[in-house]
């Protein structure tokens, strides 16, 4: 006895079709998703905005455009950040703190180097060289005079 593949395919197709229809008819509704959104921390703010509307009116056979502003309440959804967005934000903060530390460390090193260079250039080495030579000549002169007297 051979199986009738034509009848089997019709039955399988019918079962899949019925399952598909039941899935879409008894699936979760928009209200379910809305309450889930609210429970997870989502907010809807109704802000009033002004929209400019134009009308075309015929006056004496000529077209004229009139612009007027109307206030409209526009609901805007505030979606809470996801876990990946929060982690990315914290990673950026951490990286920025590291870069700030590095930059301040680099700037302090540069300030120290410039201070060293400034102090070296301000040390008046020529003055101290001349003062040392004069002091050596005076000490030699004083010792020569003292040794002659003794």
N, C-alpha and C. Protein backbone atom coordinates (compact mmCIF):
# COMPACT_ATOMS: atom_id res chain seq x y z
N UNK A 1 0.83 -1.17 0.00
CA UNK A 1 0.00 0.00 0.00
C UNK A 1 0.88 1.24 0.00
N UNK A 2 0.67 2.07 -0.99
CA UNK A 2 1.45 3.29 -1.13
C UNK A 2 0.76 4.43 -0.40
N UNK A 3 1.57 5.28 0.30
CA UNK A 3 0.95 6.45 0.96
C UNK A 3 0.57 7.49 -0.09
N UNK A 4 -0.53 8.14 0.13
CA UNK A 4 -1.01 9.18 -0.79
C UNK A 4 -0.40 10.52 -0.33
N UNK A 5 0.66 10.94 -1.01
CA UNK A 5 1.37 12.17 -0.60
C UNK A 5 0.55 13.42 -0.84
N UNK A 6 -0.35 13.37 -1.76
CA UNK A 6 -1.19 14.52 -2.04
C UNK A 6 -2.10 14.82 -0.85
N UNK A 7 -2.73 13.79 -0.29
CA UNK A 7 -3.62 13.98 0.86
C UNK A 7 -2.82 14.38 2.10
N UNK A 8 -1.64 13.82 2.27
CA UNK A 8 -0.80 14.13 3.44
C UNK A 8 -0.35 15.59 3.38
N UNK A 9 0.02 16.06 2.21
CA UNK A 9 0.47 17.46 2.10
C UNK A 9 -0.67 18.42 2.36
N UNK A 10 -1.88 18.08 1.93
CA UNK A 10 -3.04 18.95 2.19
C UNK A 10 -3.33 19.01 3.68
N UNK A 11 -3.23 17.89 4.39
CA UNK A 11 -3.49 17.85 5.83
C UNK A 11 -2.42 18.65 6.57
N UNK A 12 -1.14 18.49 6.21
CA UNK A 12 -0.06 19.23 6.87
C UNK A 12 -0.21 20.72 6.61
N UNK A 13 -0.52 21.10 5.38
CA UNK A 13 -0.73 22.50 5.06
C UNK A 13 -1.91 23.08 5.85
N UNK A 14 -2.96 22.33 6.00
CA UNK A 14 -4.11 22.78 6.77
C UNK A 14 -3.78 22.98 8.23
N UNK A 15 -3.01 22.07 8.81
CA UNK A 15 -2.62 22.19 10.22
C UNK A 15 -1.73 23.42 10.41
N UNK A 16 -0.79 23.65 9.52
CA UNK A 16 0.09 24.82 9.61
C UNK A 16 -0.71 26.09 9.45
N UNK A 17 -1.68 26.10 8.53
CA UNK A 17 -2.50 27.29 8.31
C UNK A 17 -3.35 27.59 9.53
N UNK A 18 -3.96 26.60 10.11
CA UNK A 18 -4.78 26.80 11.30
C UNK A 18 -3.92 27.28 12.47
N UNK A 19 -2.74 26.74 12.64
CA UNK A 19 -1.84 27.17 13.72
C UNK A 19 -1.41 28.62 13.51
N UNK A 20 -1.17 28.99 12.26
CA UNK A 20 -0.78 30.36 11.93
C UNK A 20 -1.91 31.34 12.24
N UNK A 21 -3.12 31.00 11.87
CA UNK A 21 -4.28 31.86 12.13
C UNK A 21 -4.53 31.98 13.62
N UNK A 22 -4.44 30.90 14.35
CA UNK A 22 -4.64 30.94 15.81
C UNK A 22 -3.57 31.78 16.47
N UNK A 23 -2.34 31.68 16.01
CA UNK A 23 -1.25 32.48 16.58
C UNK A 23 -1.53 33.97 16.43
N UNK A 24 -1.97 34.40 15.25
CA UNK A 24 -2.23 35.82 15.03
C UNK A 24 -3.52 36.30 15.68
N UNK A 25 -4.51 35.44 15.80
CA UNK A 25 -5.76 35.87 16.42
C UNK A 25 -5.65 35.97 17.94
N UNK A 26 -4.92 35.05 18.53
CA UNK A 26 -4.82 35.03 19.99
C UNK A 26 -3.45 35.49 20.50
N UNK A 27 -2.71 36.17 19.68
CA UNK A 27 -1.41 36.69 20.10
C UNK A 27 -1.58 37.90 21.02
N UNK A 28 -0.47 38.43 21.50
CA UNK A 28 -0.53 39.55 22.42
C UNK A 28 -1.01 40.81 21.70
N UNK A 29 -1.80 41.58 22.40
CA UNK A 29 -2.41 42.76 21.80
C UNK A 29 -1.52 43.99 21.99
N UNK A 30 -1.95 45.10 21.42
CA UNK A 30 -1.22 46.36 21.56
C UNK A 30 -1.29 46.85 23.00
N UNK A 31 -2.43 46.61 23.66
CA UNK A 31 -2.58 47.03 25.07
C UNK A 31 -1.58 46.28 25.95
N UNK A 32 -1.34 45.02 25.67
CA UNK A 32 -0.35 44.24 26.42
C UNK A 32 1.04 44.86 26.29
N UNK A 33 1.42 45.20 25.06
CA UNK A 33 2.73 45.80 24.85
C UNK A 33 2.82 47.19 25.48
N UNK A 34 1.72 47.94 25.45
CA UNK A 34 1.71 49.26 26.07
C UNK A 34 1.89 49.18 27.59
N UNK A 35 1.18 48.27 28.23
CA UNK A 35 1.33 48.12 29.69
C UNK A 35 2.73 47.61 30.04
N UNK A 36 3.28 46.76 29.20
CA UNK A 36 4.65 46.28 29.43
C UNK A 36 5.64 47.45 29.31
N UNK A 37 5.41 48.33 28.35
CA UNK A 37 6.25 49.52 28.16
C UNK A 37 6.18 50.42 29.40
N UNK A 38 4.97 50.65 29.91
CA UNK A 38 4.79 51.49 31.10
C UNK A 38 5.45 50.84 32.32
N UNK A 39 5.30 49.52 32.46
CA UNK A 39 5.88 48.82 33.62
C UNK A 39 7.40 48.85 33.61
N UNK A 40 8.00 48.90 32.43
CA UNK A 40 9.46 48.94 32.35
C UNK A 40 10.03 50.33 32.51
N UNK A 41 9.17 51.34 32.70
CA UNK A 41 9.67 52.69 32.97
C UNK A 41 9.50 53.67 31.83
N UNK A 42 8.75 53.31 30.81
CA UNK A 42 8.52 54.22 29.70
C UNK A 42 7.53 55.31 30.10
N UNK A 43 7.67 56.47 29.52
CA UNK A 43 6.79 57.59 29.81
C UNK A 43 6.31 58.22 28.51
N UNK A 44 5.10 58.77 28.56
CA UNK A 44 4.56 59.48 27.42
C UNK A 44 4.26 60.90 27.87
N UNK A 45 4.94 61.86 27.28
CA UNK A 45 4.73 63.27 27.60
C UNK A 45 3.94 63.90 26.47
N UNK A 46 2.88 64.60 26.82
CA UNK A 46 2.13 65.32 25.80
C UNK A 46 2.57 66.77 25.86
N UNK A 47 3.29 67.17 24.86
CA UNK A 47 3.77 68.54 24.78
C UNK A 47 2.98 69.26 23.70
N UNK A 48 2.77 70.53 23.90
CA UNK A 48 2.02 71.31 22.94
C UNK A 48 2.99 72.04 22.02
N UNK A 49 2.81 71.84 20.74
CA UNK A 49 3.67 72.47 19.76
C UNK A 49 2.82 73.31 18.82
N UNK A 50 3.47 74.25 18.18
CA UNK A 50 2.79 75.12 17.23
C UNK A 50 3.18 74.70 15.82
N UNK A 51 2.18 74.41 15.01
CA UNK A 51 2.41 73.98 13.64
C UNK A 51 1.87 75.05 12.69
N UNK A 52 2.62 75.34 11.65
CA UNK A 52 2.19 76.33 10.67
C UNK A 52 1.45 75.63 9.54
N UNK A 53 0.21 76.04 9.30
CA UNK A 53 -0.64 75.42 8.29
C UNK A 53 -0.91 76.45 7.20
N UNK A 54 -0.97 75.99 5.97
CA UNK A 54 -1.25 76.91 4.86
C UNK A 54 -2.54 76.51 4.17
N UNK A 55 -3.30 77.50 3.72
CA UNK A 55 -4.52 77.28 2.96
C UNK A 55 -4.45 78.11 1.68
N UNK A 56 -5.01 77.57 0.63
CA UNK A 56 -5.06 78.31 -0.63
C UNK A 56 -6.50 78.77 -0.85
N UNK A 57 -6.68 80.06 -1.04
CA UNK A 57 -8.01 80.64 -1.23
C UNK A 57 -7.98 81.46 -2.52
N UNK A 58 -9.08 81.36 -3.28
CA UNK A 58 -9.18 82.18 -4.50
C UNK A 58 -9.90 83.48 -4.17
N UNK A 59 -9.22 84.58 -4.45
CA UNK A 59 -9.80 85.90 -4.24
C UNK A 59 -9.74 86.64 -5.58
N UNK A 60 -10.91 87.01 -6.12
CA UNK A 60 -11.02 87.71 -7.40
C UNK A 60 -10.31 86.96 -8.52
N UNK A 61 -10.43 85.68 -8.53
CA UNK A 61 -9.83 84.88 -9.59
C UNK A 61 -8.34 84.63 -9.42
N UNK A 62 -7.75 85.10 -8.34
CA UNK A 62 -6.32 84.87 -8.08
C UNK A 62 -6.17 83.99 -6.84
N UNK A 63 -5.16 83.17 -6.87
CA UNK A 63 -4.89 82.31 -5.71
C UNK A 63 -4.08 83.08 -4.69
N UNK A 64 -4.44 82.94 -3.45
CA UNK A 64 -3.64 83.52 -2.37
C UNK A 64 -3.47 82.47 -1.29
N UNK A 65 -2.28 82.44 -0.74
CA UNK A 65 -1.94 81.45 0.29
C UNK A 65 -1.97 82.15 1.64
N UNK A 66 -2.67 81.55 2.57
CA UNK A 66 -2.76 82.10 3.93
C UNK A 66 -2.07 81.13 4.87
N UNK A 67 -1.16 81.67 5.66
CA UNK A 67 -0.48 80.87 6.67
C UNK A 67 -1.03 81.22 8.03
N UNK A 68 -1.33 80.21 8.85
CA UNK A 68 -1.74 80.47 10.22
C UNK A 68 -1.20 79.35 11.11
N UNK A 69 -1.01 79.67 12.36
CA UNK A 69 -0.42 78.73 13.31
C UNK A 69 -1.50 78.14 14.20
N UNK A 70 -1.41 76.83 14.40
CA UNK A 70 -2.36 76.16 15.28
C UNK A 70 -1.58 75.34 16.30
N UNK A 71 -1.99 75.41 17.56
CA UNK A 71 -1.33 74.57 18.57
C UNK A 71 -1.87 73.15 18.50
N UNK A 72 -0.95 72.18 18.56
CA UNK A 72 -1.32 70.77 18.47
C UNK A 72 -0.61 70.04 19.61
N UNK A 73 -1.34 69.14 20.28
CA UNK A 73 -0.72 68.32 21.32
C UNK A 73 -0.09 67.10 20.66
N UNK A 74 1.20 66.98 20.86
CA UNK A 74 1.95 65.89 20.26
C UNK A 74 2.46 64.97 21.36
N UNK A 75 1.97 63.74 21.43
CA UNK A 75 2.52 62.82 22.43
C UNK A 75 3.91 62.34 22.01
N UNK A 76 4.84 62.44 22.91
CA UNK A 76 6.19 61.98 22.63
C UNK A 76 6.56 60.89 23.63
N UNK A 77 7.14 59.86 23.11
CA UNK A 77 7.50 58.71 23.94
C UNK A 77 8.91 58.90 24.46
N UNK A 78 9.08 58.72 25.77
CA UNK A 78 10.42 58.72 26.37
C UNK A 78 10.77 57.29 26.70
N UNK A 79 11.62 56.71 25.89
CA UNK A 79 11.98 55.31 26.06
C UNK A 79 13.13 55.21 27.05
N UNK A 80 13.02 54.36 28.08
CA UNK A 80 14.14 54.21 29.00
C UNK A 80 15.31 53.52 28.30
N UNK A 81 16.54 53.85 28.69
CA UNK A 81 17.69 53.24 28.01
C UNK A 81 17.78 51.74 28.29
N UNK A 82 18.26 51.02 27.30
CA UNK A 82 18.44 49.59 27.45
C UNK A 82 19.72 49.29 28.23
N UNK A 83 19.89 48.03 28.55
CA UNK A 83 21.08 47.64 29.31
C UNK A 83 22.36 47.95 28.55
N UNK A 84 22.34 47.69 27.24
CA UNK A 84 23.55 47.94 26.45
C UNK A 84 23.85 49.42 26.37
N UNK A 85 22.82 50.27 26.27
CA UNK A 85 23.04 51.72 26.24
C UNK A 85 23.62 52.21 27.56
N UNK A 86 23.11 51.68 28.67
CA UNK A 86 23.63 52.07 29.99
C UNK A 86 25.09 51.64 30.13
N UNK A 87 25.39 50.42 29.72
CA UNK A 87 26.77 49.94 29.81
C UNK A 87 27.70 50.76 28.94
N UNK A 88 27.25 51.13 27.74
CA UNK A 88 28.06 51.95 26.85
C UNK A 88 28.31 53.33 27.45
N UNK A 89 27.26 53.90 28.08
CA UNK A 89 27.41 55.22 28.71
C UNK A 89 28.43 55.15 29.86
N UNK A 90 28.33 54.12 30.69
CA UNK A 90 29.29 53.99 31.79
C UNK A 90 30.70 53.77 31.26
N UNK A 91 30.83 53.01 30.16
CA UNK A 91 32.15 52.79 29.58
C UNK A 91 32.74 54.10 29.06
N UNK A 92 31.90 54.93 28.44
CA UNK A 92 32.37 56.23 27.98
C UNK A 92 32.83 57.09 29.15
N UNK A 93 32.05 57.07 30.25
CA UNK A 93 32.45 57.85 31.42
C UNK A 93 33.78 57.36 31.96
N UNK A 94 33.91 56.04 32.04
CA UNK A 94 35.16 55.47 32.57
C UNK A 94 36.34 55.84 31.68
N UNK A 95 36.15 55.72 30.37
CA UNK A 95 37.22 56.07 29.43
C UNK A 95 37.54 57.56 29.50
N UNK A 96 36.50 58.40 29.66
CA UNK A 96 36.77 59.83 29.73
C UNK A 96 37.52 60.17 31.01
N UNK A 97 37.21 59.48 32.11
CA UNK A 97 37.95 59.72 33.35
C UNK A 97 39.41 59.32 33.17
N UNK A 98 39.65 58.20 32.48
CA UNK A 98 41.03 57.78 32.23
C UNK A 98 41.77 58.81 31.38
N UNK A 99 41.10 59.32 30.35
CA UNK A 99 41.77 60.30 29.50
C UNK A 99 42.02 61.60 30.25
N UNK A 100 41.08 61.99 31.11
CA UNK A 100 41.29 63.21 31.90
C UNK A 100 42.48 63.02 32.83
N UNK A 101 42.58 61.85 33.46
CA UNK A 101 43.73 61.59 34.33
C UNK A 101 45.03 61.65 33.53
N UNK A 102 45.03 61.04 32.35
CA UNK A 102 46.24 61.05 31.53
C UNK A 102 46.60 62.47 31.12
N UNK A 103 45.60 63.24 30.71
CA UNK A 103 45.86 64.60 30.25
C UNK A 103 46.38 65.46 31.39
N UNK A 104 45.79 65.34 32.59
CA UNK A 104 46.26 66.14 33.72
C UNK A 104 47.68 65.72 34.11
N UNK A 105 47.96 64.43 34.06
CA UNK A 105 49.31 63.95 34.36
C UNK A 105 50.30 64.53 33.35
N UNK A 106 49.94 64.50 32.08
CA UNK A 106 50.80 65.04 31.03
C UNK A 106 50.99 66.55 31.20
N UNK A 107 49.91 67.27 31.53
CA UNK A 107 50.02 68.71 31.70
C UNK A 107 50.89 69.07 32.90
N UNK A 108 50.77 68.33 34.00
CA UNK A 108 51.61 68.61 35.16
C UNK A 108 53.08 68.35 34.83
N UNK A 109 53.36 67.30 34.07
CA UNK A 109 54.74 67.05 33.67
C UNK A 109 55.28 68.19 32.82
N UNK A 110 54.45 68.69 31.91
CA UNK A 110 54.87 69.82 31.08
C UNK A 110 55.10 71.07 31.92
N UNK A 111 54.25 71.31 32.90
CA UNK A 111 54.43 72.49 33.76
C UNK A 111 55.72 72.38 34.55
N UNK A 112 56.00 71.17 35.07
CA UNK A 112 57.24 70.97 35.82
C UNK A 112 58.46 71.21 34.93
N UNK A 113 58.40 70.71 33.69
CA UNK A 113 59.53 70.91 32.78
C UNK A 113 59.74 72.39 32.48
N UNK A 114 58.65 73.11 32.24
CA UNK A 114 58.80 74.54 31.94
C UNK A 114 59.31 75.30 33.16
N UNK A 115 58.86 74.93 34.35
CA UNK A 115 59.36 75.58 35.57
C UNK A 115 60.86 75.34 35.73
N UNK A 116 61.30 74.11 35.46
CA UNK A 116 62.74 73.81 35.55
C UNK A 116 63.53 74.67 34.57
N UNK A 117 63.02 74.76 33.35
CA UNK A 117 63.72 75.56 32.35
C UNK A 117 63.75 77.02 32.76
N UNK A 118 62.65 77.53 33.29
CA UNK A 118 62.61 78.92 33.72
C UNK A 118 63.57 79.16 34.88
N UNK A 119 63.60 78.24 35.84
CA UNK A 119 64.50 78.44 36.98
C UNK A 119 65.96 78.33 36.54
N UNK A 120 66.25 77.48 35.57
CA UNK A 120 67.62 77.41 35.09
C UNK A 120 68.02 78.69 34.37
N UNK A 121 67.14 79.26 33.61
CA UNK A 121 67.48 80.47 32.90
C UNK A 121 67.50 81.68 33.83
N UNK A 122 66.79 81.63 34.94
CA UNK A 122 66.76 82.75 35.88
C UNK A 122 67.86 82.66 36.95
N UNK A 123 68.69 81.64 36.91
CA UNK A 123 69.65 81.43 38.00
C UNK A 123 70.82 82.41 37.98
N UNK A 124 70.99 83.23 36.98
CA UNK A 124 72.05 84.24 36.89
C UNK A 124 73.42 83.60 37.13
N UNK A 125 73.75 82.65 36.34
CA UNK A 125 74.99 81.92 36.53
C UNK A 125 76.21 82.81 36.31
N UNK A 126 76.07 83.80 35.46
CA UNK A 126 77.19 84.70 35.21
C UNK A 126 77.52 85.50 36.47
N UNK A 127 76.49 85.97 37.18
CA UNK A 127 76.70 86.70 38.43
C UNK A 127 77.44 85.84 39.45
N UNK A 128 77.01 84.59 39.59
CA UNK A 128 77.65 83.72 40.56
C UNK A 128 79.07 83.36 40.15
N UNK A 129 79.35 83.27 38.87
CA UNK A 129 80.70 83.01 38.41
C UNK A 129 81.63 84.18 38.77
N UNK A 130 81.17 85.40 38.49
CA UNK A 130 81.98 86.58 38.81
C UNK A 130 82.15 86.70 40.32
N UNK A 131 81.08 86.46 41.09
CA UNK A 131 81.18 86.55 42.55
C UNK A 131 82.15 85.51 43.10
N UNK A 132 82.17 84.33 42.52
CA UNK A 132 83.10 83.28 42.96
C UNK A 132 84.55 83.66 42.68
N UNK A 133 84.81 84.22 41.52
CA UNK A 133 86.17 84.63 41.17
C UNK A 133 86.63 85.76 42.08
N UNK A 134 85.76 86.73 42.32
CA UNK A 134 86.12 87.84 43.22
C UNK A 134 86.39 87.31 44.62
N UNK A 135 85.54 86.38 45.09
CA UNK A 135 85.75 85.82 46.43
C UNK A 135 87.06 85.05 46.49
N UNK A 136 87.42 84.33 45.46
CA UNK A 136 88.68 83.58 45.44
C UNK A 136 89.87 84.53 45.46
N UNK A 137 89.79 85.62 44.71
CA UNK A 137 90.88 86.61 44.69
C UNK A 137 91.01 87.25 46.06
N UNK A 138 89.91 87.61 46.71
CA UNK A 138 89.96 88.21 48.04
C UNK A 138 90.54 87.26 49.08
N UNK A 139 90.11 86.01 49.02
CA UNK A 139 90.64 85.03 49.98
C UNK A 139 92.13 84.84 49.76
N UNK A 140 92.58 84.79 48.55
CA UNK A 140 94.00 84.64 48.26
C UNK A 140 94.78 85.86 48.73
N UNK A 141 94.24 87.03 48.49
CA UNK A 141 94.89 88.26 48.92
C UNK A 141 95.00 88.32 50.45
N UNK A 142 93.92 87.95 51.12
CA UNK A 142 93.92 87.98 52.59
C UNK A 142 94.92 86.96 53.12
N UNK A 143 94.97 85.78 52.59
CA UNK A 143 95.92 84.79 53.08
C UNK A 143 97.37 85.20 52.81
N UNK A 144 97.65 85.81 51.67
CA UNK A 144 99.00 86.28 51.39
C UNK A 144 99.43 87.35 52.42
N UNK A 145 98.56 88.28 52.71
CA UNK A 145 98.87 89.32 53.70
C UNK A 145 99.04 88.73 55.09
N UNK A 146 98.22 87.78 55.45
CA UNK A 146 98.33 87.17 56.78
C UNK A 146 99.62 86.34 56.89
N UNK A 147 99.97 85.65 55.84
CA UNK A 147 101.19 84.85 55.91
C UNK A 147 102.46 85.74 55.93
N UNK A 148 102.43 86.91 55.33
CA UNK A 148 103.56 87.81 55.38
C UNK A 148 103.73 88.36 56.80
N UNK A 149 102.63 88.63 57.46
CA UNK A 149 102.70 89.18 58.80
C UNK A 149 103.18 88.13 59.80
N UNK A 150 102.92 86.90 59.57
CA UNK A 150 103.34 85.86 60.50
C UNK A 150 104.70 85.43 60.15
